[in-house]
Amino acid sequence: METLESILAEHSFLKGLEHRYLKLLTQCASLVNFSPGQVIFTEGEKARQFFLVRHGKVALEIHRARRGPITIKTIGKGDVLGWTWLVQPHHWHVDARAVELSRAVSLDVPCVLHLCETDHDFGYEIMKRFSHALVQKLKSLNLQLVDFYDD
């Protein structure tokens, strides 16, 4: 039987996280589903949660008046959706929309931040994981830019 703790433990972002930290994180977690076309969040909204994608695809979009929504990246299983909750003012910088039926773990930002503040070892572990993931995203962006300007 799948439990929230086992689902968290299986996600690539949290792979190898100590059991005691997984147990803490379950206090902030819930399972969510997104229907195809469903808007998950929009630019400018307060970032109150972030998501660990378990299944499906989510488009990250920017909106331009003359062109409408432009997909800048599509993420899927094993990815983390939402980074801007890490820094003030905790607002989304893009829109996120489910491309297909998507399942995720929603993590409540105030709850996670509280855990990070009250258990600095836990907070350090979470921030190391986000730092690693952000570096991977920057590398990916660099490759996209090289490809874009190399034409």
Protein backbone atom coordinates (compact mmCIF):
# COMPACT_ATOMS: atom_id res chain seq x y z
CA MET A 1 0.00 0.00 0.00
CA GLU A 2 1.32 3.40 -1.02
CA THR A 3 1.57 5.97 1.73
CA LEU A 4 2.35 9.64 1.39
CA GLU A 5 5.72 8.97 2.97
CA SER A 6 6.56 6.21 0.46
CA ILE A 7 5.41 8.41 -2.44
CA LEU A 8 7.71 11.20 -1.23
CA ALA A 9 10.59 8.75 -0.78
CA GLU A 10 10.22 7.52 -4.38
CA HIS A 11 10.32 10.98 -5.97
CA SER A 12 13.71 11.70 -7.54
CA PHE A 13 13.97 15.08 -5.77
CA LEU A 14 13.75 13.41 -2.35
CA LYS A 15 15.54 10.13 -3.15
CA GLY A 16 17.76 9.17 -0.23
CA LEU A 17 16.28 11.73 2.18
CA GLU A 18 16.46 10.47 5.75
CA HIS A 19 13.30 8.78 7.04
CA ARG A 20 12.89 11.34 9.85
CA TYR A 21 12.89 14.17 7.29
CA LEU A 22 10.39 12.39 5.06
CA LYS A 23 8.15 11.97 8.09
CA LEU A 24 8.41 15.74 8.78
CA LEU A 25 7.64 16.59 5.16
CA THR A 26 4.44 14.52 5.15
CA GLN A 27 2.99 17.13 7.52
CA CYS A 28 3.13 19.62 4.64
CA ALA A 29 2.17 17.30 1.78
CA SER A 30 -1.00 16.32 -0.04
CA LEU A 31 -1.75 14.50 -3.28
CA VAL A 32 -3.24 16.53 -6.14
CA ASN A 33 -4.40 15.88 -9.69
CA PHE A 34 -4.60 18.33 -12.59
CA SER A 35 -6.85 17.86 -15.61
CA PRO A 36 -5.57 18.59 -19.13
CA GLY A 37 -5.64 22.34 -19.69
CA GLN A 38 -6.05 23.15 -15.99
CA VAL A 39 -4.12 26.22 -14.84
CA ILE A 40 -2.06 25.32 -11.79
CA PHE A 41 -0.82 28.84 -11.05
CA THR A 42 -0.43 32.15 -12.83
CA GLU A 43 2.27 34.78 -12.95
CA GLY A 44 2.01 37.31 -10.13
CA GLU A 45 0.05 35.06 -7.76
CA LYS A 46 1.47 34.35 -4.33
CA ALA A 47 3.41 31.06 -4.31
CA ARG A 48 1.72 29.13 -1.50
CA GLN A 49 2.83 25.66 -2.57
CA PHE A 50 5.25 23.86 -4.83
CA PHE A 51 4.80 20.48 -6.47
CA LEU A 52 6.66 17.24 -7.03
CA VAL A 53 5.38 15.92 -10.36
CA ARG A 54 4.62 12.18 -10.26
CA HIS A 55 2.91 11.69 -13.61
CA GLY A 56 1.95 13.75 -16.65
CA LYS A 57 3.26 16.91 -18.25
CA VAL A 58 3.05 20.55 -17.20
CA ALA A 59 3.81 23.53 -19.45
CA LEU A 60 5.54 26.59 -18.04
CA GLU A 61 4.32 29.59 -19.98
CA ILE A 62 4.84 33.30 -20.29
CA HIS A 63 2.10 35.50 -21.70
CA ARG A 64 2.79 38.12 -24.36
CA ALA A 65 0.08 40.51 -25.53
CA ARG A 66 0.71 39.99 -29.24
CA ARG A 67 1.40 36.25 -29.14
CA GLY A 68 -0.59 34.98 -26.17
CA PRO A 69 0.84 32.15 -24.05
CA ILE A 70 4.31 30.89 -25.03
CA THR A 71 5.53 27.60 -23.61
CA ILE A 72 9.09 28.04 -22.41
CA LYS A 73 9.51 24.58 -20.90
CA THR A 74 7.54 21.40 -20.35
CA ILE A 75 8.25 19.35 -17.24
CA GLY A 76 7.12 15.90 -16.19
CA LYS A 77 7.58 12.95 -13.88
CA GLY A 78 10.38 13.48 -11.35
CA ASP A 79 10.50 17.25 -11.78
CA VAL A 80 9.83 19.97 -9.23
CA LEU A 81 7.24 22.56 -10.20
CA GLY A 82 7.78 25.91 -8.56
CA TRP A 83 10.96 27.62 -7.41
CA THR A 84 10.00 31.19 -6.64
CA TRP A 85 8.63 30.33 -3.21
CA LEU A 86 12.26 30.24 -2.05
CA VAL A 87 12.78 34.01 -2.25
CA GLN A 88 10.81 37.13 -1.40
CA PRO A 89 8.23 38.21 -2.44
CA HIS A 90 7.19 34.57 -3.08
CA HIS A 91 5.22 35.20 -6.29
CA TRP A 92 5.10 33.10 -9.43
CA HIS A 93 7.08 34.42 -12.40
CA VAL A 94 5.39 32.21 -15.00
CA ASP A 95 2.09 30.41 -15.58
CA ALA A 96 1.84 26.63 -15.19
CA ARG A 97 -0.76 24.58 -17.05
CA ALA A 98 -1.31 20.82 -17.17
CA VAL A 99 -0.78 19.55 -20.71
CA GLU A 100 -2.21 16.14 -19.85
CA LEU A 101 -3.62 14.47 -16.78
CA SER A 102 -0.96 15.12 -14.16
CA ARG A 103 -0.49 13.87 -10.62
CA ALA A 104 1.71 15.58 -8.07
CA VAL A 105 2.50 16.01 -4.43
CA SER A 106 1.63 19.52 -3.28
CA LEU A 107 3.86 20.90 -0.54
CA ASP A 108 2.58 23.80 1.53
CA VAL A 109 5.20 26.58 1.46
CA PRO A 110 4.56 28.14 4.91
CA CYS A 111 4.69 24.66 6.43
CA VAL A 112 7.96 23.72 4.67
CA LEU A 113 9.53 27.08 5.56
CA HIS A 114 8.51 26.60 9.20
CA LEU A 115 10.13 23.14 9.25
CA CYS A 116 13.29 24.58 7.69
CA GLU A 117 13.44 27.29 10.35
CA THR A 118 12.78 24.99 13.31
CA ASP A 119 15.11 22.19 12.13
CA HIS A 120 18.11 23.74 10.41
CA ASP A 121 19.55 20.34 9.46
CA PHE A 122 16.32 19.57 7.61
CA GLY A 123 16.33 23.04 6.04
CA TYR A 124 19.93 22.63 4.90
CA GLU A 125 19.10 19.28 3.30
CA ILE A 126 16.11 20.76 1.43
CA MET A 127 18.10 23.80 0.27
CA LYS A 128 20.96 21.57 -0.97
CA ARG A 129 18.47 19.65 -3.06
CA PHE A 130 16.92 22.82 -4.47
CA SER A 131 20.35 24.27 -5.18
CA HIS A 132 21.33 21.15 -7.12
CA ALA A 133 18.07 21.19 -9.07
CA LEU A 134 18.46 24.90 -9.88
CA VAL A 135 21.99 24.34 -11.19
CA GLN A 136 20.63 21.59 -13.46
CA LYS A 137 17.92 23.96 -14.74
CA LEU A 138 20.51 26.68 -15.42
CA LYS A 139 22.67 24.23 -17.37
CA SER A 140 19.64 23.25 -19.41
CA LEU A 141 18.83 26.91 -20.06
CA ASN A 142 22.40 27.58 -21.16
CA LEU A 143 22.17 24.74 -23.67
CA GLN A 144 18.87 26.10 -24.98
CA LEU A 145 20.38 29.57 -25.40
CA VAL A 146 23.43 28.21 -27.20
CA ASP A 147 21.15 26.22 -29.49
CA PHE A 148 18.91 29.26 -30.08
CA TYR A 149 21.74 31.67 -30.89
CA ASP A 150 23.84 29.11 -32.79
CA ASP A 151 21.50 29.16 -35.81
